[in-house]
Amino acid sequence: MKRAGCCTLCDVEVYEVKTRWTIPALAGEPRQIGQPTVNAVRATYALSDGSKMALTFCRACMLTAMEPVAFPEIWKIVLKAFERELSPEYLEAIGNKPRTLEQHEHSSTFVAGLANKSIIGFLGSDTGG
């Protein structure tokens, strides 16, 4: 599962963690992140609709992340992260008010739109820290 401040593929922390969640559902997960560590590599991808997306990896996963064979798995991880962060259970756990029907429909449309996209190319990377 992709978490804030962590490598998209292996989940190792690649940003300084300033605070962590203490609530049971998210205990220990990064809540507030700071600067990237020296292990962070930011990769930019081209998406099938012409847009771009930047994701962060650790140095060990970066070679894999550049390979087209890895793009479908990376995209699945991204989609699951969006689905999780927009789910009523997650929003309730972090203390957000329940969404209106309109907000829920907007989130569902957003995730469905993402599901129709895919990563089609690696555009480049830069290191953190």
N, C-alpha and C. Protein backbone atom coordinates (compact mmCIF):
# COMPACT_ATOMS: atom_id res chain seq x y z
N MET A 1 0.84 -1.19 0.00
CA MET A 1 0.00 0.00 0.00
C MET A 1 0.89 1.25 0.00
N LYS A 2 0.66 2.13 -0.92
CA LYS A 2 1.39 3.39 -0.99
C LYS A 2 1.00 4.27 0.18
N ARG A 3 2.02 4.74 0.90
CA ARG A 3 1.79 5.65 2.03
C ARG A 3 2.55 6.94 1.78
N ALA A 4 2.06 8.02 2.35
CA ALA A 4 2.72 9.33 2.21
C ALA A 4 4.16 9.24 2.70
N GLY A 5 5.06 9.81 1.91
CA GLY A 5 6.46 9.87 2.32
C GLY A 5 7.25 8.60 2.12
N CYS A 6 6.65 7.61 1.44
CA CYS A 6 7.30 6.31 1.28
C CYS A 6 7.48 5.96 -0.20
N CYS A 7 8.39 5.05 -0.46
CA CYS A 7 8.63 4.55 -1.81
C CYS A 7 7.35 3.92 -2.35
N THR A 8 7.03 4.25 -3.59
CA THR A 8 5.83 3.72 -4.22
C THR A 8 5.86 2.20 -4.33
N LEU A 9 7.03 1.62 -4.53
CA LEU A 9 7.11 0.17 -4.71
C LEU A 9 7.33 -0.62 -3.43
N CYS A 10 8.31 -0.22 -2.61
CA CYS A 10 8.66 -1.06 -1.45
C CYS A 10 8.19 -0.50 -0.11
N ASP A 11 7.70 0.73 -0.10
CA ASP A 11 7.12 1.36 1.09
C ASP A 11 8.15 1.81 2.13
N VAL A 12 9.44 1.80 1.82
CA VAL A 12 10.43 2.33 2.76
C VAL A 12 10.26 3.86 2.81
N GLU A 13 10.46 4.44 3.98
CA GLU A 13 10.31 5.90 4.12
C GLU A 13 11.44 6.60 3.37
N VAL A 14 11.06 7.56 2.51
CA VAL A 14 12.03 8.31 1.72
C VAL A 14 11.92 9.82 1.97
N TYR A 15 11.09 10.21 2.91
CA TYR A 15 10.98 11.60 3.36
C TYR A 15 11.14 11.61 4.88
N GLU A 16 11.64 12.71 5.40
CA GLU A 16 11.68 12.87 6.85
C GLU A 16 10.24 12.84 7.35
N VAL A 17 10.00 12.12 8.43
CA VAL A 17 8.66 12.06 9.01
C VAL A 17 8.64 12.98 10.21
N LYS A 18 7.81 14.03 10.13
CA LYS A 18 7.71 15.01 11.22
C LYS A 18 6.76 14.52 12.32
N THR A 19 5.62 13.96 11.89
CA THR A 19 4.67 13.41 12.86
C THR A 19 4.07 12.14 12.28
N ARG A 20 3.58 11.28 13.17
CA ARG A 20 2.93 10.03 12.77
C ARG A 20 1.52 9.99 13.33
N TRP A 21 0.66 9.25 12.66
CA TRP A 21 -0.69 9.05 13.15
C TRP A 21 -0.64 8.22 14.43
N THR A 22 -1.48 8.56 15.37
CA THR A 22 -1.58 7.80 16.62
C THR A 22 -2.92 7.08 16.73
N ILE A 23 -3.85 7.40 15.85
CA ILE A 23 -5.15 6.74 15.90
C ILE A 23 -4.99 5.27 15.49
N PRO A 24 -5.74 4.36 16.11
CA PRO A 24 -5.54 2.93 15.86
C PRO A 24 -5.53 2.51 14.39
N ALA A 25 -6.43 3.05 13.58
CA ALA A 25 -6.53 2.62 12.18
C ALA A 25 -5.29 2.96 11.36
N LEU A 26 -4.55 3.97 11.78
CA LEU A 26 -3.38 4.43 11.01
C LEU A 26 -2.12 4.53 11.87
N ALA A 27 -2.13 3.93 13.03
CA ALA A 27 -1.03 4.07 13.99
C ALA A 27 0.34 3.83 13.35
N GLY A 28 1.22 4.79 13.54
CA GLY A 28 2.59 4.68 13.06
C GLY A 28 2.82 5.17 11.64
N GLU A 29 1.75 5.35 10.86
CA GLU A 29 1.93 5.83 9.49
C GLU A 29 2.33 7.30 9.50
N PRO A 30 3.12 7.72 8.50
CA PRO A 30 3.48 9.14 8.41
C PRO A 30 2.24 10.02 8.28
N ARG A 31 2.19 11.06 9.10
CA ARG A 31 1.08 12.02 9.03
C ARG A 31 1.55 13.30 8.37
N GLN A 32 2.70 13.77 8.79
CA GLN A 32 3.26 14.99 8.22
C GLN A 32 4.70 14.69 7.82
N ILE A 33 5.03 14.98 6.57
CA ILE A 33 6.38 14.70 6.09
C ILE A 33 7.13 16.00 5.84
N GLY A 34 8.46 15.88 5.89
CA GLY A 34 9.32 17.02 5.65
C GLY A 34 10.06 16.88 4.34
N GLN A 35 11.34 17.09 4.38
CA GLN A 35 12.19 17.06 3.19
C GLN A 35 12.49 15.62 2.76
N PRO A 36 12.75 15.44 1.46
CA PRO A 36 13.16 14.10 1.01
C PRO A 36 14.52 13.74 1.59
N THR A 37 14.73 12.45 1.81
CA THR A 37 16.03 11.96 2.29
C THR A 37 16.95 11.74 1.09
N VAL A 38 18.19 11.41 1.35
CA VAL A 38 19.13 11.13 0.26
C VAL A 38 18.75 9.86 -0.50
N ASN A 39 17.87 9.05 0.06
CA ASN A 39 17.42 7.82 -0.58
C ASN A 39 16.24 8.05 -1.53
N ALA A 40 15.70 9.27 -1.57
CA ALA A 40 14.52 9.56 -2.38
C ALA A 40 14.89 9.90 -3.83
N VAL A 41 14.10 9.34 -4.75
CA VAL A 41 14.22 9.68 -6.16
C VAL A 41 12.81 9.98 -6.66
N ARG A 42 12.64 11.15 -7.24
CA ARG A 42 11.35 11.56 -7.78
C ARG A 42 11.32 11.26 -9.27
N ALA A 43 10.36 10.46 -9.70
CA ALA A 43 10.24 10.06 -11.10
C ALA A 43 9.00 10.70 -11.71
N THR A 44 9.12 11.12 -12.95
CA THR A 44 7.99 11.69 -13.67
C THR A 44 7.61 10.75 -14.81
N TYR A 45 6.31 10.50 -14.91
CA TYR A 45 5.78 9.59 -15.92
C TYR A 45 4.79 10.32 -16.83
N ALA A 46 4.72 9.87 -18.07
CA ALA A 46 3.70 10.30 -19.00
C ALA A 46 2.51 9.35 -18.86
N LEU A 47 1.31 9.93 -18.82
CA LEU A 47 0.10 9.12 -18.73
C LEU A 47 -0.60 9.09 -20.08
N SER A 48 -1.46 8.11 -20.24
CA SER A 48 -2.12 7.87 -21.52
C SER A 48 -3.00 9.01 -22.00
N ASP A 49 -3.42 9.90 -21.11
CA ASP A 49 -4.25 11.03 -21.52
C ASP A 49 -3.44 12.28 -21.82
N GLY A 50 -2.11 12.16 -21.80
CA GLY A 50 -1.25 13.30 -22.08
C GLY A 50 -0.78 14.05 -20.85
N SER A 51 -1.32 13.71 -19.69
CA SER A 51 -0.90 14.37 -18.45
C SER A 51 0.36 13.69 -17.91
N LYS A 52 0.90 14.27 -16.86
CA LYS A 52 2.11 13.74 -16.22
C LYS A 52 1.82 13.47 -14.75
N MET A 53 2.58 12.56 -14.17
CA MET A 53 2.46 12.27 -12.74
C MET A 53 3.84 12.02 -12.18
N ALA A 54 4.11 12.63 -11.02
CA ALA A 54 5.38 12.41 -10.34
C ALA A 54 5.15 11.48 -9.15
N LEU A 55 6.04 10.52 -9.00
CA LEU A 55 5.99 9.57 -7.89
C LEU A 55 7.38 9.47 -7.28
N THR A 56 7.43 9.06 -6.02
CA THR A 56 8.71 8.94 -5.34
C THR A 56 9.05 7.48 -5.09
N PHE A 57 10.33 7.16 -5.29
CA PHE A 57 10.85 5.82 -5.07
C PHE A 57 12.12 5.92 -4.25
N CYS A 58 12.53 4.81 -3.67
CA CYS A 58 13.85 4.74 -3.06
C CYS A 58 14.85 4.44 -4.18
N ARG A 59 16.11 4.66 -3.91
CA ARG A 59 17.14 4.42 -4.94
C ARG A 59 17.16 2.96 -5.40
N ALA A 60 16.92 2.04 -4.47
CA ALA A 60 16.96 0.62 -4.82
C ALA A 60 15.85 0.24 -5.79
N CYS A 61 14.70 0.89 -5.71
CA CYS A 61 13.57 0.56 -6.59
C CYS A 61 13.56 1.36 -7.89
N MET A 62 14.39 2.38 -7.99
CA MET A 62 14.32 3.27 -9.14
C MET A 62 14.59 2.57 -10.46
N LEU A 63 15.54 1.66 -10.51
CA LEU A 63 15.82 0.96 -11.77
C LEU A 63 14.60 0.18 -12.25
N THR A 64 13.92 -0.46 -11.32
CA THR A 64 12.69 -1.18 -11.66
C THR A 64 11.62 -0.20 -12.13
N ALA A 65 11.51 0.93 -11.45
CA ALA A 65 10.47 1.91 -11.75
C ALA A 65 10.59 2.52 -13.14
N MET A 66 11.78 2.47 -13.73
CA MET A 66 12.00 3.02 -15.07
C MET A 66 11.61 2.04 -16.17
N GLU A 67 11.42 0.79 -15.83
CA GLU A 67 11.16 -0.25 -16.82
C GLU A 67 9.67 -0.32 -17.17
N PRO A 68 9.34 -0.26 -18.45
CA PRO A 68 7.93 -0.34 -18.86
C PRO A 68 7.18 -1.55 -18.32
N VAL A 69 7.86 -2.66 -18.10
CA VAL A 69 7.20 -3.84 -17.56
C VAL A 69 6.63 -3.58 -16.16
N ALA A 70 7.19 -2.61 -15.43
CA ALA A 70 6.73 -2.29 -14.07
C ALA A 70 5.57 -1.29 -14.05
N PHE A 71 5.31 -0.62 -15.17
CA PHE A 71 4.30 0.44 -15.18
C PHE A 71 2.92 -0.03 -14.74
N PRO A 72 2.42 -1.18 -15.21
CA PRO A 72 1.08 -1.60 -14.76
C PRO A 72 0.99 -1.81 -13.24
N GLU A 73 2.01 -2.39 -12.64
CA GLU A 73 2.00 -2.61 -11.19
C GLU A 73 2.08 -1.28 -10.44
N ILE A 74 2.91 -0.38 -10.91
CA ILE A 74 3.01 0.95 -10.28
C ILE A 74 1.66 1.64 -10.35
N TRP A 75 0.98 1.56 -11.49
CA TRP A 75 -0.32 2.22 -11.65
C TRP A 75 -1.35 1.61 -10.71
N LYS A 76 -1.33 0.27 -10.53
CA LYS A 76 -2.25 -0.38 -9.58
C LYS A 76 -2.03 0.15 -8.17
N ILE A 77 -0.78 0.35 -7.79
CA ILE A 77 -0.45 0.87 -6.45
C ILE A 77 -1.00 2.28 -6.30
N VAL A 78 -0.84 3.10 -7.33
CA VAL A 78 -1.35 4.48 -7.30
C VAL A 78 -2.87 4.48 -7.15
N LEU A 79 -3.55 3.66 -7.94
CA LEU A 79 -5.01 3.60 -7.87
C LEU A 79 -5.50 3.16 -6.50
N LYS A 80 -4.86 2.13 -5.93
CA LYS A 80 -5.26 1.66 -4.60
C LYS A 80 -5.06 2.75 -3.55
N ALA A 81 -4.00 3.53 -3.69
CA ALA A 81 -3.75 4.61 -2.74
C ALA A 81 -4.84 5.67 -2.82
N PHE A 82 -5.24 6.05 -4.04
CA PHE A 82 -6.33 7.02 -4.20
C PHE A 82 -7.63 6.46 -3.66
N GLU A 83 -7.93 5.21 -3.97
CA GLU A 83 -9.15 4.58 -3.46
C GLU A 83 -9.18 4.59 -1.94
N ARG A 84 -8.05 4.26 -1.34
CA ARG A 84 -7.97 4.23 0.12
C ARG A 84 -8.20 5.62 0.71
N GLU A 85 -7.49 6.62 0.19
CA GLU A 85 -7.57 7.96 0.75
C GLU A 85 -8.91 8.64 0.52
N LEU A 86 -9.68 8.17 -0.44
CA LEU A 86 -11.00 8.73 -0.69
C LEU A 86 -12.13 7.89 -0.09
N SER A 87 -11.77 6.78 0.55
CA SER A 87 -12.81 5.90 1.12
C SER A 87 -13.41 6.53 2.37
N PRO A 88 -14.70 6.28 2.60
CA PRO A 88 -15.34 6.80 3.81
C PRO A 88 -14.63 6.34 5.09
N GLU A 89 -14.13 5.12 5.11
CA GLU A 89 -13.45 4.60 6.30
C GLU A 89 -12.18 5.38 6.61
N TYR A 90 -11.41 5.67 5.59
CA TYR A 90 -10.17 6.43 5.78
C TYR A 90 -10.49 7.86 6.22
N LEU A 91 -11.43 8.49 5.52
CA LEU A 91 -11.79 9.87 5.86
C LEU A 91 -12.32 9.96 7.29
N GLU A 92 -13.10 8.99 7.71
CA GLU A 92 -13.60 8.97 9.08
C GLU A 92 -12.45 8.78 10.07
N ALA A 93 -11.51 7.89 9.73
CA ALA A 93 -10.38 7.61 10.61
C ALA A 93 -9.53 8.86 10.85
N ILE A 94 -9.38 9.72 9.84
CA ILE A 94 -8.56 10.91 10.01
C ILE A 94 -9.36 12.10 10.53
N GLY A 95 -10.64 11.87 10.81
CA GLY A 95 -11.44 12.91 11.45
C GLY A 95 -12.20 13.82 10.51
N ASN A 96 -12.28 13.48 9.24
CA ASN A 96 -13.07 14.30 8.31
C ASN A 96 -14.55 14.04 8.50
N LYS A 97 -15.34 15.05 8.22
CA LYS A 97 -16.79 14.90 8.28
C LYS A 97 -17.23 13.97 7.14
N PRO A 98 -18.34 13.28 7.33
CA PRO A 98 -18.85 12.44 6.23
C PRO A 98 -19.10 13.31 4.99
N ARG A 99 -18.81 12.73 3.83
CA ARG A 99 -19.01 13.47 2.59
C ARG A 99 -20.47 13.48 2.19
N THR A 100 -20.81 14.53 1.45
CA THR A 100 -22.15 14.59 0.88
C THR A 100 -22.22 13.61 -0.29
N LEU A 101 -23.42 13.34 -0.76
CA LEU A 101 -23.60 12.47 -1.91
C LEU A 101 -22.85 13.04 -3.12
N GLU A 102 -22.92 14.34 -3.30
CA GLU A 102 -22.23 14.98 -4.42
C GLU A 102 -20.71 14.79 -4.32
N GLN A 103 -20.15 14.95 -3.12
CA GLN A 103 -18.71 14.75 -2.94
C GLN A 103 -18.32 13.30 -3.19
N HIS A 104 -19.15 12.37 -2.72
CA HIS A 104 -18.89 10.95 -2.94
C HIS A 104 -18.91 10.63 -4.43
N GLU A 105 -19.89 11.15 -5.15
CA GLU A 105 -19.99 10.91 -6.59
C GLU A 105 -18.78 11.51 -7.32
N HIS A 106 -18.34 12.69 -6.88
CA HIS A 106 -17.17 13.32 -7.49
C HIS A 106 -15.93 12.43 -7.29
N SER A 107 -15.74 11.93 -6.07
CA SER A 107 -14.60 11.06 -5.77
C SER A 107 -14.65 9.79 -6.60
N SER A 108 -15.83 9.21 -6.71
CA SER A 108 -15.99 7.99 -7.50
C SER A 108 -15.67 8.24 -8.97
N THR A 109 -16.11 9.37 -9.49
CA THR A 109 -15.83 9.74 -10.88
C THR A 109 -14.33 9.96 -11.08
N PHE A 110 -13.70 10.61 -10.10
CA PHE A 110 -12.26 10.87 -10.18
C PHE A 110 -11.47 9.56 -10.24
N VAL A 111 -11.78 8.63 -9.34
CA VAL A 111 -11.07 7.34 -9.32
C VAL A 111 -11.35 6.55 -10.59
N ALA A 112 -12.60 6.58 -11.06
CA ALA A 112 -12.93 5.88 -12.31
C ALA A 112 -12.15 6.47 -13.48
N GLY A 113 -11.98 7.79 -13.48
CA GLY A 113 -11.19 8.43 -14.53
C GLY A 113 -9.74 8.00 -14.49
N LEU A 114 -9.20 7.87 -13.29
CA LEU A 114 -7.82 7.40 -13.16
C LEU A 114 -7.69 5.96 -13.65
N ALA A 115 -8.69 5.16 -13.36
CA ALA A 115 -8.64 3.75 -13.77
C ALA A 115 -8.59 3.60 -15.28
N ASN A 116 -9.08 4.60 -16.00
CA ASN A 116 -9.05 4.55 -17.47
C ASN A 116 -7.73 5.05 -18.04
N LYS A 117 -6.83 5.51 -17.20
CA LYS A 117 -5.53 5.98 -17.64
C LYS A 117 -4.49 4.88 -17.40
N SER A 118 -3.30 5.12 -17.91
CA SER A 118 -2.19 4.22 -17.63
C SER A 118 -0.89 4.99 -17.82
N ILE A 119 0.18 4.43 -17.26
CA ILE A 119 1.50 5.00 -17.46
C ILE A 119 2.00 4.51 -18.82
N ILE A 120 2.43 5.46 -19.67
CA ILE A 120 2.91 5.05 -21.00
C ILE A 120 4.39 5.35 -21.21
N GLY A 121 5.00 6.09 -20.27
CA GLY A 121 6.41 6.39 -20.46
C GLY A 121 7.07 6.98 -19.23
N PHE A 122 8.35 6.74 -19.12
CA PHE A 122 9.18 7.32 -18.07
C PHE A 122 9.85 8.57 -18.65
N LEU A 123 9.66 9.73 -17.99
CA LEU A 123 10.17 10.99 -18.53
C LEU A 123 11.47 11.45 -17.89
N GLY A 124 11.76 10.99 -16.68
CA GLY A 124 12.98 11.41 -16.03
C GLY A 124 12.86 11.36 -14.53
N SER A 125 13.98 11.66 -13.86
CA SER A 125 13.98 11.61 -12.39
C SER A 125 14.99 12.60 -11.84
N ASP A 126 14.79 12.92 -10.55
CA ASP A 126 15.78 13.71 -9.82
C ASP A 126 15.84 13.20 -8.40
N THR A 127 16.96 13.41 -7.75
CA THR A 127 17.17 12.87 -6.40
C THR A 127 16.80 13.89 -5.33
N GLY A 128 16.50 13.38 -4.15
CA GLY A 128 16.16 14.22 -3.01
C GLY A 128 17.35 14.42 -2.11
N GLY A 129 17.04 14.98 -0.93
CA GLY A 129 18.04 15.15 0.10
C GLY A 129 19.08 16.09 -0.32
